[in-house]
């Protein structure tokens, strides 16, 4: 139980930032026009979390489960403390990366401990419980974040509360795991080239894609005070480096004796189809998690943003949980294809309705649309996870369970980076004719800021709302695109294979 609590807490922090992001930006004095930079508060954690999952399971084979898990917990708690202490955008991004490394590392080690402690007959179910705990965490993250922010009035407590929870659970694990060996199988090789190429590939793509289109000097978002993005000039090289690194990763992994990602498992059609669907649904659902709070911040007073975001994302998250339970049950009885296709169509319909939201807060419609979308996403998550795990051989259950999480996280990471870049480009295009708001000689700072705010209210905010609505439409198209790999799922669950 303590290990599941820690896994849930680490997963909470994947999405806990969503409803409080507007409050964080205000507190850190970040210009909201610089979306391609502050998105890394979310993407930094996602990327680090994703990278460590395939690496740390193998590391625990070498140095031991207990040492690896406790080290990961320490890194996560250090990152949490740094998040609470951050007072600048670079500081909180760096802290979130550290936190993500620790949080992601605990998931595969928890799965490996399950494999060590339980007999084969009980192993598959237990692996599913760990994966479910990870999913539960990021589903409940927005609710947890908004609740703590509302109770304390300070978003920093969300990260500070990780410390007593983590330290208590860690102390219990030290006692319970005292019989686990400190050392591992030292003869095994850690696939460092594979880990490095994966890191370079994902970082290059994420940075290159998230830069977006750089506006002309004084135009677009620059008119609202957005600073030039220093990476804009390196956009294409970053993308090329990312693609080349991932291509080299495929070559290296095919030749590696102990590959970081055993590519052979993707030769199984059902496993590949399930994870292709998983990747795309991850990209779509992150749009709701991030952009609903940002839209809310444009529609309501500052002191109500977290509460309204929590109510809206609560409808989405609870509906997703209900959909996941129903999807799993229906898939067991009728097969994977039908329920997955139904879920994708429902999710697409929900996102499409979200793309038609107006410029005022309509809680009943918005809550209903998010609930429909959540049910659709939930109907997809459980069947494709079960399909992927059931497609693997018994000897590959651990890596299959881990890859299910990794592929969804990859979709979330690259999806939010790509859609943020597209959104920034759309916003710059919409604001191209907006003249720069420059402080005039003799004009007081208060008058200048008031004039800038007036321009934002009259022109920039409506344009931003339109762009956010467009991202919901893009998410609907992603759900429809996910139908293609979903068609290759088998109709019935396969019997367990050796």
Protein backbone atom coordinates (compact mmCIF):
# COMPACT_ATOMS: atom_id res chain seq x y z
CA UNK A 1 0.00 0.00 0.00
CA UNK A 2 2.72 2.64 0.79
CA UNK A 3 4.31 2.10 -2.61
CA UNK A 4 0.96 2.65 -4.33
CA UNK A 5 0.44 5.85 -2.34
CA UNK A 6 3.80 7.18 -3.52
CA UNK A 7 3.05 6.19 -7.13
CA UNK A 8 -0.30 8.03 -6.92
CA UNK A 9 1.36 11.15 -5.43
CA UNK A 10 4.01 11.18 -8.18
CA UNK A 11 1.33 10.76 -10.85
CA UNK A 12 -0.79 13.50 -9.23
CA UNK A 13 1.96 15.95 -10.01
CA UNK A 14 1.67 15.17 -13.72
CA UNK A 15 -1.59 17.12 -13.88
CA UNK A 16 -1.83 18.86 -10.49
CA UNK A 17 -0.45 22.01 -12.12
CA UNK A 18 -3.37 22.31 -14.56
CA UNK A 19 -5.96 24.21 -12.45
CA UNK A 20 -3.35 26.31 -10.62
CA UNK A 21 -1.28 27.26 -13.67
CA UNK A 22 -2.91 30.71 -14.00
CA UNK A 23 -2.19 31.41 -10.30
CA UNK A 24 1.42 30.27 -10.72
CA UNK A 25 1.91 32.57 -13.71
CA UNK A 26 0.51 35.54 -11.80
CA UNK A 27 2.63 34.81 -8.72
CA UNK A 28 5.82 34.39 -10.75
CA UNK A 29 4.97 37.44 -12.88
CA UNK A 30 5.08 35.51 -16.14
CA UNK A 31 3.61 37.17 -19.23
CA UNK A 32 0.67 35.01 -20.29
CA UNK A 33 1.50 35.75 -23.94
CA UNK A 34 4.64 33.60 -23.58
CA UNK A 35 2.81 30.27 -23.78
CA UNK A 36 5.68 28.57 -25.62
CA UNK A 37 7.84 29.08 -22.50
CA UNK A 38 5.54 28.51 -19.55
CA UNK A 39 4.16 25.33 -21.12
CA UNK A 40 7.42 23.77 -19.93
CA UNK A 41 6.09 23.86 -16.37
CA UNK A 42 3.91 21.01 -17.65
CA UNK A 43 6.11 19.58 -20.40
CA UNK A 44 9.28 19.51 -18.28
CA UNK A 45 7.70 17.19 -15.74
CA UNK A 46 6.07 15.06 -18.43
CA UNK A 47 9.30 14.66 -20.39
CA UNK A 48 11.43 13.78 -17.36
CA UNK A 49 8.75 11.40 -16.06
CA UNK A 50 8.58 9.67 -19.43
CA UNK A 51 12.34 9.33 -19.90
CA UNK A 52 12.99 7.68 -16.55
CA UNK A 53 10.34 4.96 -16.78
CA UNK A 54 12.21 2.67 -19.23
CA UNK A 55 15.63 3.50 -17.73
CA UNK A 56 15.07 3.09 -14.00
CA UNK A 57 13.49 -0.35 -14.17
CA UNK A 58 16.70 -1.62 -15.74
CA UNK A 59 18.84 0.33 -13.25
CA UNK A 60 17.00 -1.33 -10.37
CA UNK A 61 17.95 -4.70 -11.87
CA UNK A 62 21.59 -3.66 -11.49
CA UNK A 63 21.76 -1.79 -8.17
CA UNK A 64 18.71 -3.20 -6.40
CA UNK A 65 15.04 -2.26 -5.97
CA UNK A 66 15.20 -0.69 -2.53
CA UNK A 67 18.16 1.59 -3.24
CA UNK A 68 16.73 2.72 -6.58
CA UNK A 69 13.22 3.37 -5.28
CA UNK A 70 14.37 5.30 -2.21
CA UNK A 71 16.80 7.36 -4.30
CA UNK A 72 13.98 8.16 -6.73
CA UNK A 73 11.73 9.14 -3.82
CA UNK A 74 14.45 11.44 -2.50
CA UNK A 75 14.83 13.12 -5.91
CA UNK A 76 11.05 13.57 -6.17
CA UNK A 77 10.82 15.15 -2.72
CA UNK A 78 13.81 17.43 -3.44
CA UNK A 79 12.10 18.57 -6.63
CA UNK A 80 8.85 19.16 -4.74
CA UNK A 81 10.64 21.35 -2.19
CA UNK A 82 12.33 23.27 -5.01
CA UNK A 83 8.95 23.84 -6.71
CA UNK A 84 7.55 25.30 -3.50
CA UNK A 85 10.57 27.61 -3.18
CA UNK A 86 10.63 28.75 -6.84
CA UNK A 87 10.17 32.46 -7.57
CA UNK A 88 11.03 32.59 -11.28
CA UNK A 89 9.87 30.70 -14.37
CA UNK A 90 13.27 29.04 -15.04
CA UNK A 91 13.46 27.96 -11.39
CA UNK A 92 10.08 26.23 -11.35
CA UNK A 93 10.72 24.58 -14.73
CA UNK A 94 14.04 23.20 -13.45
CA UNK A 95 12.39 22.04 -10.22
CA UNK A 96 9.60 20.32 -12.16
CA UNK A 97 12.18 18.47 -14.27
CA UNK A 98 13.92 17.21 -11.12
CA UNK A 99 10.56 16.26 -9.65
CA UNK A 100 9.62 14.43 -12.85
CA UNK A 101 12.82 12.39 -12.87
CA UNK A 102 12.10 11.16 -9.36
CA UNK A 103 8.39 10.61 -9.92
CA UNK A 104 8.79 8.68 -13.15
CA UNK A 105 11.57 6.50 -11.71
CA UNK A 106 9.29 5.11 -9.00
CA UNK A 107 6.74 3.58 -11.39
CA UNK A 108 8.91 0.89 -13.07
CA UNK A 109 10.66 0.05 -9.80
CA UNK A 110 7.29 -0.46 -8.13
CA UNK A 111 6.33 -2.80 -10.97
CA UNK A 112 9.65 -4.66 -10.65
CA UNK A 113 9.12 -5.11 -6.89
CA UNK A 114 5.74 -6.65 -7.65
CA UNK A 115 7.46 -9.09 -9.99
CA UNK A 116 9.98 -9.97 -7.27
CA UNK A 117 7.51 -10.46 -4.43
CA UNK A 118 4.57 -12.17 -6.10
CA UNK A 119 4.25 -15.55 -7.82
CA UNK A 120 3.65 -15.55 -11.60
CA UNK A 121 -0.03 -16.41 -11.18
CA UNK A 122 -0.69 -13.17 -9.28
CA UNK A 123 1.79 -10.97 -11.11
CA UNK A 124 -0.35 -9.74 -14.02
CA UNK A 125 -3.14 -8.49 -11.78
CA UNK A 126 -0.70 -6.73 -9.47
CA UNK A 127 1.04 -5.01 -12.39
CA UNK A 128 -2.36 -3.79 -13.47
CA UNK A 129 -2.94 -2.34 -9.99
CA UNK A 130 0.32 -0.35 -10.16
CA UNK A 131 -0.57 0.93 -13.64
CA UNK A 132 -4.07 1.80 -12.39
CA UNK A 133 -2.56 3.72 -9.45
CA UNK A 134 -0.47 5.74 -11.90
CA UNK A 135 -3.53 6.48 -14.03
CA UNK A 136 -5.63 7.34 -10.96
CA UNK A 137 -3.02 9.88 -9.91
CA UNK A 138 -3.01 11.94 -13.08
CA UNK A 139 -6.81 11.68 -13.36
CA UNK A 140 -7.28 13.11 -9.85
CA UNK A 141 -4.40 15.60 -10.16
CA UNK A 142 -6.50 18.63 -11.21
CA UNK A 143 -8.99 18.06 -8.38
CA UNK A 144 -6.22 17.67 -5.80
CA UNK A 145 -4.41 20.79 -6.99
CA UNK A 146 -7.50 22.99 -6.97
CA UNK A 147 -8.68 21.67 -3.60
CA UNK A 148 -5.36 22.38 -1.87
CA UNK A 149 -5.07 25.82 -3.49
CA UNK A 150 -8.59 26.71 -2.36
CA UNK A 151 -8.04 25.46 1.20
CA UNK A 152 -4.66 27.12 1.71
CA UNK A 153 -4.85 30.07 -0.66
CA UNK A 154 -1.31 29.31 -1.86
CA UNK A 155 -0.36 26.95 -4.70
CA UNK A 156 3.01 26.23 -3.05
CA UNK A 157 1.32 24.01 -0.45
CA UNK A 158 0.51 21.53 -3.21
CA UNK A 159 4.21 20.74 -3.46
CA UNK A 160 4.99 21.11 0.25
CA UNK A 161 2.41 18.45 1.15
CA UNK A 162 4.37 15.92 -0.90
CA UNK A 163 7.11 16.05 1.74
CA UNK A 164 5.31 14.59 4.79
CA UNK A 165 3.41 12.10 2.63
CA UNK A 166 6.56 10.92 0.86
CA UNK A 167 8.73 10.81 3.98
CA UNK A 168 6.12 8.84 5.94
CA UNK A 169 5.54 6.33 3.15
CA UNK A 170 9.30 6.05 2.57
CA UNK A 171 9.94 5.29 6.25
CA UNK A 172 7.33 2.52 6.15
CA UNK A 173 8.93 1.05 3.03
CA UNK A 174 12.40 1.05 4.60
CA UNK A 175 11.02 -1.22 7.32
CA UNK A 176 8.86 -3.40 5.06
CA UNK A 177 11.53 -3.83 2.42
CA UNK A 178 14.38 -4.56 4.80
CA UNK A 179 14.59 -8.10 3.42
CA UNK A 180 14.91 -6.94 -0.19
CA UNK A 181 18.51 -7.21 -1.42
CA UNK A 182 20.45 -3.94 -1.48
CA UNK A 183 22.41 -5.01 -4.54
CA UNK A 184 21.20 -6.17 -7.93
CA UNK A 185 22.49 -8.26 -10.78
CA UNK A 186 25.73 -6.42 -11.40
CA UNK A 187 26.55 -8.35 -14.58
CA UNK A 188 23.67 -6.73 -16.47
CA UNK A 189 24.46 -3.76 -18.71
CA UNK A 190 22.65 -0.45 -18.51
CA UNK A 191 21.73 0.79 -21.98
CA UNK A 192 23.23 4.26 -21.61
CA UNK A 193 23.50 4.92 -25.39
CA UNK A 194 19.81 4.12 -25.74
CA UNK A 195 18.89 6.33 -22.79
CA UNK A 196 20.96 9.22 -24.16
CA UNK A 197 19.49 8.96 -27.65
CA UNK A 198 15.95 8.76 -26.26
CA UNK A 199 16.56 11.85 -24.13
CA UNK A 200 18.12 13.84 -26.99
CA UNK A 201 15.39 12.76 -29.39
CA UNK A 202 12.45 13.67 -27.18
CA UNK A 203 14.03 16.88 -25.91
CA UNK A 204 14.96 18.03 -29.41
CA UNK A 205 11.49 17.35 -30.79
CA UNK A 206 9.70 18.87 -27.79
CA UNK A 207 11.80 22.04 -27.82
CA UNK A 208 11.72 22.42 -31.59
CA UNK A 209 8.00 21.82 -31.87
CA UNK A 210 7.00 23.98 -28.88
CA UNK A 211 8.84 27.11 -30.08
CA UNK A 212 6.04 27.94 -32.49
CA UNK A 213 6.13 30.73 -35.05
CA UNK A 214 8.15 33.73 -33.87
CA UNK A 215 6.23 36.98 -34.43
CA UNK A 216 7.70 40.01 -36.15
CA UNK A 217 9.27 42.59 -33.83
CA UNK A 218 6.48 44.60 -32.22
CA UNK A 219 3.74 42.45 -33.72
CA UNK A 220 1.67 39.51 -32.60
CA UNK A 221 2.17 38.52 -28.97
CA UNK A 222 5.14 40.93 -28.79
CA UNK A 223 2.57 43.73 -28.72
CA UNK A 224 1.48 42.39 -25.33
CA UNK A 225 5.00 42.39 -23.96
CA UNK A 226 6.05 38.85 -24.91
CA UNK A 227 9.84 38.59 -25.11
CA UNK A 228 11.53 36.95 -28.13
CA UNK A 229 11.99 33.22 -27.73
CA UNK A 230 15.76 32.58 -27.75
CA UNK A 231 15.23 29.14 -29.30
CA UNK A 232 13.20 30.40 -32.26
CA UNK A 233 16.28 30.60 -34.50
CA UNK A 234 17.12 26.96 -33.75
CA UNK A 235 13.68 25.50 -34.34
CA UNK A 236 14.53 23.45 -37.44
CA UNK A 237 17.92 22.18 -36.15
CA UNK A 238 16.27 21.05 -32.90
CA UNK A 239 13.63 19.08 -34.78
CA UNK A 240 16.25 17.53 -37.08
CA UNK A 241 18.44 16.55 -34.12
CA UNK A 242 15.42 14.98 -32.44
CA UNK A 243 14.45 12.95 -35.50
CA UNK A 244 18.02 11.78 -36.15
CA UNK A 245 18.47 10.77 -32.50
CA UNK A 246 15.27 8.72 -32.52
CA UNK A 247 16.29 7.05 -35.80
CA UNK A 248 19.66 6.15 -34.28
CA UNK A 249 17.81 4.86 -31.21
CA UNK A 250 16.06 2.27 -33.36
CA UNK A 251 19.41 1.09 -34.76
CA UNK A 252 21.08 0.96 -31.35
CA UNK A 253 18.18 -0.83 -29.66
CA UNK A 254 18.12 -3.55 -32.32
CA UNK A 255 21.76 -4.35 -31.58
CA UNK A 256 21.75 -3.86 -27.80
CA UNK A 257 22.09 -6.95 -25.62
CA UNK A 258 19.86 -5.45 -22.93
CA UNK A 259 17.88 -2.77 -24.83
CA UNK A 260 16.21 0.08 -23.01
CA UNK A 261 13.13 -0.45 -25.18
CA UNK A 262 12.85 -3.96 -26.67
CA UNK A 263 11.56 -3.07 -30.12
CA UNK A 264 10.68 -6.67 -30.88
CA UNK A 265 7.56 -6.37 -28.75
CA UNK A 266 6.17 -3.89 -31.28
CA UNK A 267 6.19 -6.60 -33.96
CA UNK A 268 3.04 -7.92 -32.31
CA UNK A 269 0.30 -6.18 -34.29
CA UNK A 270 -2.13 -5.92 -31.39
CA UNK A 271 0.49 -4.38 -29.10
CA UNK A 272 1.53 -1.83 -31.74
CA UNK A 273 -2.07 -0.93 -32.57
CA UNK A 274 -3.01 -0.49 -28.91
CA UNK A 275 -0.04 1.77 -28.24
CA UNK A 276 -0.61 3.81 -31.39
CA UNK A 277 -4.12 4.51 -30.15
CA UNK A 278 -2.73 5.12 -26.67
CA UNK A 279 -0.27 7.72 -27.99
CA UNK A 280 -2.95 9.69 -29.81
CA UNK A 281 -5.51 9.65 -26.99
CA UNK A 282 -2.77 10.90 -24.67
CA UNK A 283 -2.18 13.87 -26.97
CA UNK A 284 -5.89 14.67 -27.06
CA UNK A 285 -6.65 14.43 -23.34
CA UNK A 286 -3.75 16.74 -22.39
CA UNK A 287 -5.40 19.50 -24.41
CA UNK A 288 -8.34 19.48 -22.01
CA UNK A 289 -6.14 19.22 -18.91
CA UNK A 290 -4.06 22.29 -19.82
CA UNK A 291 -6.27 24.51 -21.95
CA UNK A 292 -9.50 24.39 -19.92
CA UNK A 293 -7.86 26.19 -16.95
CA UNK A 294 -6.21 28.69 -19.32
CA UNK A 295 -9.58 29.42 -20.91
CA UNK A 296 -11.18 29.73 -17.48
CA UNK A 297 -8.56 32.32 -16.50
CA UNK A 298 -9.78 34.48 -19.39
CA UNK A 299 -13.46 34.21 -18.45
CA UNK A 300 -13.62 34.62 -14.65
CA UNK A 301 -12.12 36.76 -11.91
CA UNK A 302 -8.61 35.85 -10.75
CA UNK A 303 -9.71 34.61 -7.32
CA UNK A 304 -12.22 32.16 -8.87
CA UNK A 305 -9.99 30.60 -11.52
CA UNK A 306 -8.81 27.59 -9.50
CA UNK A 307 -12.28 26.79 -8.16
CA UNK A 308 -14.02 27.03 -11.54
CA UNK A 309 -11.21 25.07 -13.21
CA UNK A 310 -11.56 22.35 -10.57
CA UNK A 311 -15.31 22.10 -11.14
CA UNK A 312 -14.88 21.80 -14.89
CA UNK A 313 -11.93 19.40 -14.78
CA UNK A 314 -13.72 17.50 -12.03
CA UNK A 315 -16.53 16.74 -14.46
CA UNK A 316 -13.95 15.61 -17.01
CA UNK A 317 -11.91 13.48 -14.57
CA UNK A 318 -14.84 11.79 -12.84
CA UNK A 319 -16.47 11.01 -16.18
CA UNK A 320 -13.16 9.61 -17.41
CA UNK A 321 -12.95 7.34 -14.37
CA UNK A 322 -16.50 6.10 -14.92
CA UNK A 323 -15.77 5.56 -18.60
CA UNK A 324 -12.60 3.61 -17.80
CA UNK A 325 -14.45 1.26 -15.44
CA UNK A 326 -17.24 0.74 -17.96
CA UNK A 327 -14.82 0.34 -20.86
CA UNK A 328 -12.85 -2.35 -19.07
CA UNK A 329 -15.98 -4.34 -18.22
CA UNK A 330 -17.47 -4.06 -21.70
CA UNK A 331 -14.18 -4.95 -23.40
CA UNK A 332 -13.85 -8.12 -21.31
CA UNK A 333 -17.22 -9.27 -22.55
CA UNK A 334 -17.44 -7.98 -26.11
CA UNK A 335 -13.84 -7.33 -27.17
CA UNK A 336 -11.59 -4.34 -27.66
CA UNK A 337 -12.54 -2.90 -31.03
CA UNK A 338 -16.14 -1.87 -30.51
CA UNK A 339 -15.74 -0.13 -27.17
CA UNK A 340 -12.53 1.62 -28.27
CA UNK A 341 -14.12 2.96 -31.46
CA UNK A 342 -17.19 4.07 -29.52
CA UNK A 343 -14.99 5.87 -27.00
CA UNK A 344 -13.00 7.66 -29.70
CA UNK A 345 -16.18 8.84 -31.42
CA UNK A 346 -17.69 10.06 -28.14
CA UNK A 347 -14.45 11.87 -27.22
CA UNK A 348 -14.27 13.46 -30.68
CA UNK A 349 -17.88 14.63 -30.35
CA UNK A 350 -17.14 16.11 -26.92
CA UNK A 351 -14.05 17.97 -28.11
CA UNK A 352 -15.95 19.21 -31.15
CA UNK A 353 -18.66 20.67 -28.90
CA UNK A 354 -15.93 22.28 -26.78
CA UNK A 355 -14.62 24.01 -29.90
CA UNK A 356 -17.95 25.86 -30.06
CA UNK A 357 -17.77 27.40 -26.59
CA UNK A 358 -18.56 31.12 -26.42
CA UNK A 359 -16.72 34.07 -24.89
CA UNK A 360 -18.63 33.85 -21.61
CA UNK A 361 -18.67 31.25 -18.85
CA UNK A 362 -21.49 28.73 -19.38
CA UNK A 363 -20.91 26.21 -16.58
CA UNK A 364 -23.75 23.85 -17.46
CA UNK A 365 -22.79 23.47 -21.11
CA UNK A 366 -19.06 23.39 -20.45
CA UNK A 367 -19.42 20.82 -17.66
CA UNK A 368 -21.64 18.62 -19.83
CA UNK A 369 -19.28 18.80 -22.80
CA UNK A 370 -16.29 17.93 -20.61
CA UNK A 371 -18.20 15.03 -19.06
CA UNK A 372 -19.01 13.65 -22.52
CA UNK A 373 -15.37 14.02 -23.53
CA UNK A 374 -14.20 12.37 -20.31
CA UNK A 375 -16.47 9.37 -20.78
CA UNK A 376 -15.15 8.93 -24.31
CA UNK A 377 -11.50 9.10 -23.24
CA UNK A 378 -12.19 6.73 -20.35
CA UNK A 379 -13.85 4.19 -22.63
CA UNK A 380 -10.61 4.09 -24.63
CA UNK A 381 -8.00 3.97 -21.85
CA UNK A 382 -8.87 0.66 -20.18
CA UNK A 383 -9.41 -1.48 -23.32
CA UNK A 384 -6.22 -0.38 -25.07
CA UNK A 385 -4.14 -0.89 -21.91
CA UNK A 386 -5.59 -4.37 -21.48
CA UNK A 387 -5.11 -5.10 -25.19
CA UNK A 388 -1.44 -4.12 -25.07
CA UNK A 389 -0.68 -6.13 -21.93
CA UNK A 390 -2.62 -9.19 -23.11
CA UNK A 391 -0.77 -9.10 -26.43
CA UNK A 392 2.58 -9.55 -24.66
CA UNK A 393 4.13 -12.83 -23.63
CA UNK A 394 4.17 -13.59 -19.93
CA UNK A 395 7.91 -12.90 -19.82
CA UNK A 396 7.29 -9.41 -21.25
CA UNK A 397 4.45 -8.39 -18.92
CA UNK A 398 6.59 -5.94 -16.97
CA UNK A 399 7.98 -4.09 -19.98
CA UNK A 400 4.57 -4.17 -21.70
CA UNK A 401 2.92 -2.55 -18.67
CA UNK A 402 5.62 0.11 -18.56
CA UNK A 403 5.39 0.85 -22.28
CA UNK A 404 1.63 1.38 -22.01
CA UNK A 405 2.33 4.23 -19.59
CA UNK A 406 5.29 5.53 -21.63
CA UNK A 407 3.38 5.71 -24.91
CA UNK A 408 0.50 7.61 -23.33
CA UNK A 409 2.96 10.01 -21.70
CA UNK A 410 4.78 10.49 -25.01
CA UNK A 411 1.49 11.43 -26.59
CA UNK A 412 0.76 13.87 -23.77
CA UNK A 413 4.25 15.41 -23.98
CA UNK A 414 4.58 15.80 -27.75
CA UNK A 415 0.89 16.57 -28.15
CA UNK A 416 0.87 19.53 -25.79
CA UNK A 417 4.15 20.80 -27.29
CA UNK A 418 2.81 20.63 -30.85
CA UNK A 419 -0.58 22.14 -30.05
CA UNK A 420 1.01 24.91 -27.98
CA UNK A 421 3.25 25.80 -30.92
CA UNK A 422 0.30 25.76 -33.27
CA UNK A 423 -1.74 27.86 -30.85
CA UNK A 424 1.04 30.43 -30.45
CA UNK A 425 1.40 30.65 -34.23
CA UNK A 426 -2.37 31.12 -34.61
CA UNK A 427 -2.39 33.80 -31.91
CA UNK A 428 0.50 35.65 -33.53
CA UNK A 429 -1.33 35.52 -36.85
CA UNK A 430 -4.50 36.86 -35.25
CA UNK A 431 -2.61 39.69 -33.55
CA UNK A 432 -0.36 40.61 -36.48
CA UNK A 433 -2.12 43.93 -37.03
CA UNK A 434 -2.10 44.80 -33.34
CA UNK A 435 0.22 47.80 -32.81
CA UNK A 436 2.80 47.46 -30.05
CA UNK A 437 1.79 48.87 -26.68
CA UNK A 438 4.82 51.01 -25.77
CA UNK A 439 5.16 53.21 -22.71
CA UNK A 440 5.07 56.84 -23.85
CA UNK A 441 7.40 59.57 -22.54
CA UNK A 442 5.97 61.01 -19.34
CA UNK A 443 3.39 58.22 -19.02
CA UNK A 444 3.29 56.66 -15.57
CA UNK A 445 3.75 52.93 -15.19
CA UNK A 446 0.21 52.60 -13.82
CA UNK A 447 -1.27 54.37 -16.86
CA UNK A 448 0.85 52.29 -19.22
CA UNK A 449 -0.22 49.01 -17.62
CA UNK A 450 -3.86 50.12 -17.64
CA UNK A 451 -3.63 50.93 -21.36
CA UNK A 452 -1.96 47.58 -22.07
CA UNK A 453 -4.70 45.82 -20.11
CA UNK A 454 -7.39 47.63 -22.10
CA UNK A 455 -5.85 46.47 -25.37
CA UNK A 456 -5.66 42.93 -24.02
CA UNK A 457 -9.32 42.93 -22.96
CA UNK A 458 -10.58 44.42 -26.20
CA UNK A 459 -8.50 42.49 -28.73
CA UNK A 460 -6.07 39.93 -27.35
CA UNK A 461 -8.38 38.03 -25.00
CA UNK A 462 -11.06 37.33 -27.66
CA UNK A 463 -8.31 36.19 -30.05
CA UNK A 464 -6.79 33.93 -27.38
CA UNK A 465 -10.18 32.38 -26.58
CA UNK A 466 -10.65 31.63 -30.28
CA UNK A 467 -7.24 29.95 -30.46
CA UNK A 468 -7.99 27.79 -27.41
CA UNK A 469 -11.27 26.75 -29.00
CA UNK A 470 -9.33 25.78 -32.12
CA UNK A 471 -7.10 23.48 -30.04
CA UNK A 472 -10.22 21.63 -28.89
CA UNK A 473 -11.18 21.17 -32.53
CA UNK A 474 -7.68 19.83 -33.22
CA UNK A 475 -8.10 17.38 -30.33
CA UNK A 476 -11.32 16.14 -31.93
CA UNK A 477 -9.42 15.44 -35.15
CA UNK A 478 -6.72 13.58 -33.18
CA UNK A 479 -9.42 11.33 -31.69
CA UNK A 480 -10.72 10.57 -35.17
CA UNK A 481 -7.18 9.87 -36.37
CA UNK A 482 -6.79 7.35 -33.53
CA UNK A 483 -9.52 5.26 -35.14
CA UNK A 484 -7.00 4.06 -37.75
CA UNK A 485 -4.73 2.09 -35.37
CA UNK A 486 -7.74 1.07 -33.27
CA UNK A 487 -9.17 -0.83 -36.25
CA UNK A 488 -6.25 -3.28 -35.96
CA UNK A 489 -7.16 -4.33 -32.43
CA UNK A 490 -8.45 -7.86 -32.05
CA UNK A 491 -12.13 -8.28 -31.35
CA UNK A 492 -11.63 -10.68 -28.43
CA UNK A 493 -8.98 -10.85 -25.68
CA UNK A 494 -6.36 -13.46 -26.46
CA UNK A 495 -5.47 -16.30 -24.21
CA UNK A 496 -2.38 -15.85 -22.10
CA UNK A 497 0.80 -16.85 -23.91
CA UNK A 498 4.09 -18.04 -22.49
